């Protein structure tokens, strides 16, 4: 079931060269990315920690810490809440932070000035909370982007000159398909060497679904010999 997604994703990557859909490699590595975190308005400990706990529980079962699962969390700036230790704890656990804009919207509909303001404001908020963590990736909401958005990220120091997309069209944001077993089975159909997997937080329901799905997904990937890591590690550490 993996051949069709690979071919489709390869065609998308050819058609949209300014975006990253996967890493061309034969190595059994995949990137785990989580969008829309955290949940706005929550106190500590916030529900996003359910996702961290699911990953941490899996890592505790591993005998070799170098094989720990790490994820890239795409942060929405206005979703940051009163769990002020959340982002530092993510980084301390080996995860990567990335920019998902200021609000959960369609950035492709914004003017260049509005998009740049949202992009930089979120970046500044991330750096304020975790000053020693480099922010390398931006993922546009709804996966759409424009040339003026590309100009902004290309001019941003430290950022990759590509939009971070994924190897799958996520269905976990839809009420009818937000079921852990369905999510785990759907993700399994999009796993191949170099794939970029995508799940969501941003609400209590989505965070719970993702945490429960990861308890099914991560052992399955390990049994198949896959290493699950951040987008940056997949991009830089794995040879084509």
C-alpha atoms as a PDB file:
ATOM      1  CA  UNK A   1       0.000   0.000   0.000  1.00  0.00           C
ATOM      2  CA  UNK A   2       3.002   2.315   0.159  1.00  0.00           C
ATOM      3  CA  UNK A   3       3.813   2.503  -3.553  1.00  0.00           C
ATOM      4  CA  UNK A   4       0.893   4.696  -4.590  1.00  0.00           C
ATOM      5  CA  UNK A   5       1.515   7.347  -1.891  1.00  0.00           C
ATOM      6  CA  UNK A   6       5.210   7.441  -2.772  1.00  0.00           C
ATOM      7  CA  UNK A   7       4.470   7.998  -6.451  1.00  0.00           C
ATOM      8  CA  UNK A   8       1.835  10.609  -5.701  1.00  0.00           C
ATOM      9  CA  UNK A   9       4.076  12.469  -3.275  1.00  0.00           C
ATOM     10  CA  UNK A  10       6.976  12.386  -5.725  1.00  0.00           C
ATOM     11  CA  UNK A  11       4.732  13.989  -8.351  1.00  0.00           C
ATOM     12  CA  UNK A  12       3.661  16.678  -5.891  1.00  0.00           C
ATOM     13  CA  UNK A  13       7.267  17.389  -4.964  1.00  0.00           C
ATOM     14  CA  UNK A  14       8.122  17.816  -8.644  1.00  0.00           C
ATOM     15  CA  UNK A  15       5.159  20.151  -9.188  1.00  0.00           C
ATOM     16  CA  UNK A  16       5.827  22.225  -6.032  1.00  0.00           C
ATOM     17  CA  UNK A  17       9.616  22.542  -5.663  1.00  0.00           C
ATOM     18  CA  UNK A  18       9.356  25.184  -2.925  1.00  0.00           C
ATOM     19  CA  UNK A  19       7.862  22.647  -0.516  1.00  0.00           C
ATOM     20  CA  UNK A  20       9.194  19.573   1.308  1.00  0.00           C
ATOM     21  CA  UNK A  21       6.903  16.536   1.158  1.00  0.00           C
ATOM     22  CA  UNK A  22       9.422  13.809   1.997  1.00  0.00           C
ATOM     23  CA  UNK A  23      13.125  13.026   2.056  1.00  0.00           C
ATOM     24  CA  UNK A  24      14.454  10.982  -0.837  1.00  0.00           C
ATOM     25  CA  UNK A  25      16.190   8.098   0.930  1.00  0.00           C
ATOM     26  CA  UNK A  26      16.201   4.334   1.292  1.00  0.00           C
ATOM     27  CA  UNK A  27      16.980   4.568   5.004  1.00  0.00           C
ATOM     28  CA  UNK A  28      14.081   3.467   7.240  1.00  0.00           C
ATOM     29  CA  UNK A  29      13.581   6.871   8.846  1.00  0.00           C
ATOM     30  CA  UNK A  30      10.392   8.938   9.041  1.00  0.00           C
ATOM     31  CA  UNK A  31       9.689  12.360  10.529  1.00  0.00           C
ATOM     32  CA  UNK A  32       6.855  12.795  13.013  1.00  0.00           C
ATOM     33  CA  UNK A  33       5.255  16.244  12.916  1.00  0.00           C
ATOM     34  CA  UNK A  34       2.457  17.585  15.114  1.00  0.00           C
ATOM     35  CA  UNK A  35       0.474  20.672  14.075  1.00  0.00           C
ATOM     36  CA  UNK A  36      -1.572  23.390  15.795  1.00  0.00           C
ATOM     37  CA  UNK A  37      -0.140  23.020  19.301  1.00  0.00           C
ATOM     38  CA  UNK A  38      -0.644  23.943  22.045  1.00  0.00           C
ATOM     39  CA  UNK A  39      -4.293  24.541  23.049  1.00  0.00           C
ATOM     40  CA  UNK A  40      -5.161  28.206  23.653  1.00  0.00           C
ATOM     41  CA  UNK A  41      -6.388  29.268  27.063  1.00  0.00           C
ATOM     42  CA  UNK A  42      -5.348  26.174  29.008  1.00  0.00           C
ATOM     43  CA  UNK A  43      -3.603  26.231  32.361  1.00  0.00           C
ATOM     44  CA  UNK A  44      -0.683  24.007  33.298  1.00  0.00           C
ATOM     45  CA  UNK A  45      -0.449  21.118  32.784  1.00  0.00           C
ATOM     46  CA  UNK A  46      -2.077  21.562  29.384  1.00  0.00           C
ATOM     47  CA  UNK A  47      -3.589  18.802  27.274  1.00  0.00           C
ATOM     48  CA  UNK A  48      -0.758  18.958  24.740  1.00  0.00           C
ATOM     49  CA  UNK A  49       1.296  17.107  27.329  1.00  0.00           C
ATOM     50  CA  UNK A  50      -0.770  13.994  26.606  1.00  0.00           C
ATOM     51  CA  UNK A  51       1.085  13.814  23.282  1.00  0.00           C
ATOM     52  CA  UNK A  52       4.438  14.287  25.000  1.00  0.00           C
ATOM     53  CA  UNK A  53       3.527  11.598  27.520  1.00  0.00           C
ATOM     54  CA  UNK A  54       2.614   9.091  24.815  1.00  0.00           C
ATOM     55  CA  UNK A  55       6.006   9.588  23.148  1.00  0.00           C
ATOM     56  CA  UNK A  56       7.850   9.489  26.469  1.00  0.00           C
ATOM     57  CA  UNK A  57       6.141   6.240  27.472  1.00  0.00           C
ATOM     58  CA  UNK A  58       7.210   4.653  24.205  1.00  0.00           C
ATOM     59  CA  UNK A  59      10.781   5.885  24.674  1.00  0.00           C
ATOM     60  CA  UNK A  60      10.906   4.388  28.158  1.00  0.00           C
ATOM     61  CA  UNK A  61      10.374   0.969  26.588  1.00  0.00           C
ATOM     62  CA  UNK A  62      13.489   1.311  24.431  1.00  0.00           C
ATOM     63  CA  UNK A  63      16.820  -0.081  25.573  1.00  0.00           C
ATOM     64  CA  UNK A  64      18.861   2.361  23.480  1.00  0.00           C
ATOM     65  CA  UNK A  65      18.207   6.070  24.175  1.00  0.00           C
ATOM     66  CA  UNK A  66      19.724   6.998  20.806  1.00  0.00           C
ATOM     67  CA  UNK A  67      16.654   5.410  19.197  1.00  0.00           C
ATOM     68  CA  UNK A  68      14.199   7.608  21.092  1.00  0.00           C
ATOM     69  CA  UNK A  69      11.276   8.962  19.108  1.00  0.00           C
ATOM     70  CA  UNK A  70      11.424  12.733  18.629  1.00  0.00           C
ATOM     71  CA  UNK A  71       8.909  14.951  16.873  1.00  0.00           C
ATOM     72  CA  UNK A  72       8.684  18.394  15.310  1.00  0.00           C
ATOM     73  CA  UNK A  73       5.911  20.455  16.908  1.00  0.00           C
ATOM     74  CA  UNK A  74       4.510  23.215  14.706  1.00  0.00           C
ATOM     75  CA  UNK A  75       3.454  25.955  17.109  1.00  0.00           C
ATOM     76  CA  UNK A  76       0.662  28.476  16.531  1.00  0.00           C
ATOM     77  CA  UNK A  77       1.714  31.678  18.269  1.00  0.00           C
ATOM     78  CA  UNK A  78      -1.693  32.641  19.660  1.00  0.00           C
ATOM     79  CA  UNK A  79      -2.203  29.109  20.984  1.00  0.00           C
ATOM     80  CA  UNK A  80       0.538  29.559  23.575  1.00  0.00           C
ATOM     81  CA  UNK A  81      -1.035  29.340  27.011  1.00  0.00           C
ATOM     82  CA  UNK A  82      -0.197  29.463  30.715  1.00  0.00           C
ATOM     83  CA  UNK A  83       1.750  26.213  30.643  1.00  0.00           C
ATOM     84  CA  UNK A  84       4.931  28.252  30.392  1.00  0.00           C
ATOM     85  CA  UNK A  85       7.218  25.228  30.738  1.00  0.00           C
ATOM     86  CA  UNK A  86       5.657  23.358  27.815  1.00  0.00           C
ATOM     87  CA  UNK A  87       8.028  24.503  25.081  1.00  0.00           C
ATOM     88  CA  UNK A  88      11.182  24.181  27.214  1.00  0.00           C
ATOM     89  CA  UNK A  89      10.035  20.682  28.196  1.00  0.00           C
ATOM     90  CA  UNK A  90       9.521  19.761  24.536  1.00  0.00           C
ATOM     91  CA  UNK A  91      13.060  20.790  23.711  1.00  0.00           C
ATOM     92  CA  UNK A  92      14.475  19.085  26.819  1.00  0.00           C
ATOM     93  CA  UNK A  93      12.857  15.841  25.662  1.00  0.00           C
ATOM     94  CA  UNK A  94      14.604  16.085  22.295  1.00  0.00           C
ATOM     95  CA  UNK A  95      11.740  17.487  20.253  1.00  0.00           C
ATOM     96  CA  UNK A  96      11.971  20.302  17.725  1.00  0.00           C
ATOM     97  CA  UNK A  97       9.906  23.501  17.599  1.00  0.00           C
ATOM     98  CA  UNK A  98       8.714  24.998  14.332  1.00  0.00           C
ATOM     99  CA  UNK A  99       6.621  27.939  13.149  1.00  0.00           C
ATOM    100  CA  UNK A 100       2.956  27.430  12.189  1.00  0.00           C
ATOM    101  CA  UNK A 101       1.950  31.078  12.130  1.00  0.00           C
ATOM    102  CA  UNK A 102       0.161  33.296  14.605  1.00  0.00           C
ATOM    103  CA  UNK A 103      -3.430  32.124  14.165  1.00  0.00           C
ATOM    104  CA  UNK A 104      -5.153  29.067  12.727  1.00  0.00           C
ATOM    105  CA  UNK A 105      -6.071  30.589   9.371  1.00  0.00           C
ATOM    106  CA  UNK A 106      -5.361  30.626   5.630  1.00  0.00           C
ATOM    107  CA  UNK A 107      -2.043  32.514   5.359  1.00  0.00           C
ATOM    108  CA  UNK A 108      -2.194  32.265   1.573  1.00  0.00           C
ATOM    109  CA  UNK A 109      -5.063  34.785   1.710  1.00  0.00           C
ATOM    110  CA  UNK A 110      -3.043  37.311   3.686  1.00  0.00           C
ATOM    111  CA  UNK A 111      -1.144  40.233   2.240  1.00  0.00           C
ATOM    112  CA  UNK A 112       2.627  40.035   2.291  1.00  0.00           C
ATOM    113  CA  UNK A 113       2.819  42.503   5.169  1.00  0.00           C
ATOM    114  CA  UNK A 114       0.198  40.666   7.226  1.00  0.00           C
ATOM    115  CA  UNK A 115       1.835  37.298   6.627  1.00  0.00           C
ATOM    116  CA  UNK A 116       5.283  38.633   7.516  1.00  0.00           C
ATOM    117  CA  UNK A 117       3.929  40.154  10.744  1.00  0.00           C
ATOM    118  CA  UNK A 118       2.309  36.866  11.781  1.00  0.00           C
ATOM    119  CA  UNK A 119       5.379  34.828  10.823  1.00  0.00           C
ATOM    120  CA  UNK A 120       7.862  37.012  12.712  1.00  0.00           C
ATOM    121  CA  UNK A 121       5.625  37.502  15.748  1.00  0.00           C
ATOM    122  CA  UNK A 122       5.336  33.744  16.208  1.00  0.00           C
ATOM    123  CA  UNK A 123       9.062  33.300  15.701  1.00  0.00           C
ATOM    124  CA  UNK A 124       9.796  35.935  18.339  1.00  0.00           C
ATOM    125  CA  UNK A 125       7.431  34.274  20.827  1.00  0.00           C
ATOM    126  CA  UNK A 126       9.115  30.903  20.319  1.00  0.00           C
ATOM    127  CA  UNK A 127      12.601  32.352  20.753  1.00  0.00           C
ATOM    128  CA  UNK A 128      11.439  34.261  23.843  1.00  0.00           C
ATOM    129  CA  UNK A 129      10.387  31.023  25.534  1.00  0.00           C
ATOM    130  CA  UNK A 130      13.221  28.800  24.277  1.00  0.00           C
ATOM    131  CA  UNK A 131      16.083  31.119  23.293  1.00  0.00           C
ATOM    132  CA  UNK A 132      18.608  28.378  22.572  1.00  0.00           C
ATOM    133  CA  UNK A 133      16.388  26.325  20.256  1.00  0.00           C
ATOM    134  CA  UNK A 134      16.844  27.074  16.536  1.00  0.00           C
ATOM    135  CA  UNK A 135      13.620  27.458  14.537  1.00  0.00           C
ATOM    136  CA  UNK A 136      14.208  26.117  11.032  1.00  0.00           C
ATOM    137  CA  UNK A 137      10.831  25.268   9.516  1.00  0.00           C
ATOM    138  CA  UNK A 138       7.590  26.982   8.648  1.00  0.00           C
ATOM    139  CA  UNK A 139       4.431  25.075   7.728  1.00  0.00           C
ATOM    140  CA  UNK A 140       1.587  27.069   6.158  1.00  0.00           C
ATOM    141  CA  UNK A 141      -1.911  26.563   7.504  1.00  0.00           C
ATOM    142  CA  UNK A 142      -4.096  24.509   5.134  1.00  0.00           C
ATOM    143  CA  UNK A 143      -0.861  23.686   3.188  1.00  0.00           C
ATOM    144  CA  UNK A 144      -1.365  26.506   0.683  1.00  0.00           C
ATOM    145  CA  UNK A 145       1.317  29.100   0.026  1.00  0.00           C
ATOM    146  CA  UNK A 146       2.149  31.981  -2.300  1.00  0.00           C
ATOM    147  CA  UNK A 147       5.305  33.497  -3.823  1.00  0.00           C
ATOM    148  CA  UNK A 148       5.270  36.400  -1.354  1.00  0.00           C
ATOM    149  CA  UNK A 149       5.137  33.922   1.536  1.00  0.00           C
ATOM    150  CA  UNK A 150       8.160  32.182   0.037  1.00  0.00           C
ATOM    151  CA  UNK A 151      10.018  35.480  -0.128  1.00  0.00           C
ATOM    152  CA  UNK A 152       9.404  36.025   3.576  1.00  0.00           C
ATOM    153  CA  UNK A 153      10.701  32.639   4.725  1.00  0.00           C
ATOM    154  CA  UNK A 154      13.683  32.781   2.357  1.00  0.00           C
ATOM    155  CA  UNK A 155      14.725  36.067   3.953  1.00  0.00           C
ATOM    156  CA  UNK A 156      14.261  34.807   7.525  1.00  0.00           C
ATOM    157  CA  UNK A 157      17.628  33.989   9.161  1.00  0.00           C
ATOM    158  CA  UNK A 158      18.011  30.338  10.086  1.00  0.00           C
ATOM    159  CA  UNK A 159      14.947  29.092   8.217  1.00  0.00           C
ATOM    160  CA  UNK A 160      15.024  26.481   5.504  1.00  0.00           C
ATOM    161  CA  UNK A 161      13.988  27.993   2.154  1.00  0.00           C
ATOM    162  CA  UNK A 162      11.175  25.454   1.794  1.00  0.00           C
ATOM    163  CA  UNK A 163       7.664  25.091   3.141  1.00  0.00           C
ATOM    164  CA  UNK A 164       7.402  22.070   5.428  1.00  0.00           C
ATOM    165  CA  UNK A 165       4.495  20.021   4.129  1.00  0.00           C
ATOM    166  CA  UNK A 166       3.934  16.278   4.577  1.00  0.00           C
ATOM    167  CA  UNK A 167       3.597  12.909   2.865  1.00  0.00           C
ATOM    168  CA  UNK A 168      -0.076  12.583   3.732  1.00  0.00           C
ATOM    169  CA  UNK A 169      -3.318  14.521   3.714  1.00  0.00           C
ATOM    170  CA  UNK A 170      -4.394  14.331   7.373  1.00  0.00           C
ATOM    171  CA  UNK A 171      -7.902  13.238   8.283  1.00  0.00           C
ATOM    172  CA  UNK A 172      -7.569  13.511  12.062  1.00  0.00           C
ATOM    173  CA  UNK A 173      -9.027  17.028  12.084  1.00  0.00           C
ATOM    174  CA  UNK A 174     -12.398  15.718  10.871  1.00  0.00           C
ATOM    175  CA  UNK A 175     -14.904  14.603  13.481  1.00  0.00           C
ATOM    176  CA  UNK A 176     -15.983  11.550  11.497  1.00  0.00           C
ATOM    177  CA  UNK A 177     -12.434  10.179  11.245  1.00  0.00           C
ATOM    178  CA  UNK A 178     -10.937  11.379  14.545  1.00  0.00           C
ATOM    179  CA  UNK A 179     -10.629   7.888  15.985  1.00  0.00           C
ATOM    180  CA  UNK A 180      -7.302   6.532  17.274  1.00  0.00           C
ATOM    181  CA  UNK A 181      -7.564   3.187  15.454  1.00  0.00           C
ATOM    182  CA  UNK A 182      -8.594   4.865  12.220  1.00  0.00           C
ATOM    183  CA  UNK A 183      -5.812   7.438  12.583  1.00  0.00           C
ATOM    184  CA  UNK A 184      -3.200   4.751  13.227  1.00  0.00           C
ATOM    185  CA  UNK A 185      -4.368   2.687  10.263  1.00  0.00           C
ATOM    186  CA  UNK A 186      -4.453   5.713   7.986  1.00  0.00           C
ATOM    187  CA  UNK A 187      -0.937   6.763   8.993  1.00  0.00           C
ATOM    188  CA  UNK A 188       0.287   3.211   8.307  1.00  0.00           C
ATOM    189  CA  UNK A 189      -0.790   3.580   4.677  1.00  0.00           C
ATOM    190  CA  UNK A 190       1.554   6.558   4.251  1.00  0.00           C
ATOM    191  CA  UNK A 191       4.721   5.160   5.799  1.00  0.00           C
ATOM    192  CA  UNK A 192       7.765   4.748   3.571  1.00  0.00           C
ATOM    193  CA  UNK A 193      11.464   5.601   3.979  1.00  0.00           C
ATOM    194  CA  UNK A 194      11.730   9.380   4.215  1.00  0.00           C
ATOM    195  CA  UNK A 195       8.034  10.037   4.832  1.00  0.00           C
ATOM    196  CA  UNK A 196       6.861  13.082   6.786  1.00  0.00           C
ATOM    197  CA  UNK A 197       3.920  12.055   8.968  1.00  0.00           C
ATOM    198  CA  UNK A 198       1.388  14.592  10.234  1.00  0.00           C
ATOM    199  CA  UNK A 199      -0.919  14.538  13.252  1.00  0.00           C
ATOM    200  CA  UNK A 200      -2.662  17.318  15.147  1.00  0.00           C
ATOM    201  CA  UNK A 201      -3.145  18.901  18.526  1.00  0.00           C
ATOM    202  CA  UNK A 202      -4.769  22.280  19.055  1.00  0.00           C
ATOM    203  CA  UNK A 203      -7.859  21.031  20.873  1.00  0.00           C
ATOM    204  CA  UNK A 204      -8.563  18.632  23.700  1.00  0.00           C
ATOM    205  CA  UNK A 205     -10.204  16.151  21.341  1.00  0.00           C
ATOM    206  CA  UNK A 206      -7.381  16.209  18.790  1.00  0.00           C
ATOM    207  CA  UNK A 207      -4.693  15.974  21.439  1.00  0.00           C
ATOM    208  CA  UNK A 208      -6.390  12.962  23.007  1.00  0.00           C
ATOM    209  CA  UNK A 209      -6.799  11.281  19.617  1.00  0.00           C
ATOM    210  CA  UNK A 210      -3.160  11.885  18.688  1.00  0.00           C
ATOM    211  CA  UNK A 211      -1.867  10.613  22.026  1.00  0.00           C
ATOM    212  CA  UNK A 212      -3.930   7.431  21.780  1.00  0.00           C
ATOM    213  CA  UNK A 213      -3.040   6.917  18.115  1.00  0.00           C
ATOM    214  CA  UNK A 214       0.676   7.285  18.842  1.00  0.00           C
ATOM    215  CA  UNK A 215       0.440   4.424  21.325  1.00  0.00           C
ATOM    216  CA  UNK A 216      -0.559   2.289  18.343  1.00  0.00           C
ATOM    217  CA  UNK A 217       1.628   3.908  15.686  1.00  0.00           C
ATOM    218  CA  UNK A 218       4.994   4.008  17.428  1.00  0.00           C
ATOM    219  CA  UNK A 219       5.267   0.313  18.401  1.00  0.00           C
ATOM    220  CA  UNK A 220       4.162  -0.637  14.883  1.00  0.00           C
ATOM    221  CA  UNK A 221       6.827   1.541  13.280  1.00  0.00           C
ATOM    222  CA  UNK A 222       9.479   0.128  15.597  1.00  0.00           C
ATOM    223  CA  UNK A 223       8.456  -3.442  14.733  1.00  0.00           C
ATOM    224  CA  UNK A 224       8.865  -2.528  11.065  1.00  0.00           C
ATOM    225  CA  UNK A 225      12.384  -1.225  11.699  1.00  0.00           C
ATOM    226  CA  UNK A 226      11.627   2.475  11.328  1.00  0.00           C
ATOM    227  CA  UNK A 227      13.394   5.274  13.168  1.00  0.00           C
ATOM    228  CA  UNK A 228      10.999   8.116  14.059  1.00  0.00           C
ATOM    229  CA  UNK A 229      12.627  11.503  14.351  1.00  0.00           C
ATOM    230  CA  UNK A 230      12.314  15.251  13.820  1.00  0.00           C
ATOM    231  CA  UNK A 231      12.018  16.869  10.439  1.00  0.00           C
ATOM    232  CA  UNK A 232      15.488  18.405  10.768  1.00  0.00           C
ATOM    233  CA  UNK A 233      17.076  15.088  11.688  1.00  0.00           C
ATOM    234  CA  UNK A 234      15.404  13.393   8.735  1.00  0.00           C
ATOM    235  CA  UNK A 235      16.456  16.209   6.429  1.00  0.00           C
ATOM    236  CA  UNK A 236      20.085  16.436   7.544  1.00  0.00           C
ATOM    237  CA  UNK A 237      21.081  13.095   9.069  1.00  0.00           C
ATOM    238  CA  UNK A 238      19.831  10.736   6.377  1.00  0.00           C
ATOM    239  CA  UNK A 239      21.568  10.334   3.063  1.00  0.00           C
ATOM    240  CA  UNK A 240      19.630  10.201  -0.186  1.00  0.00           C
END
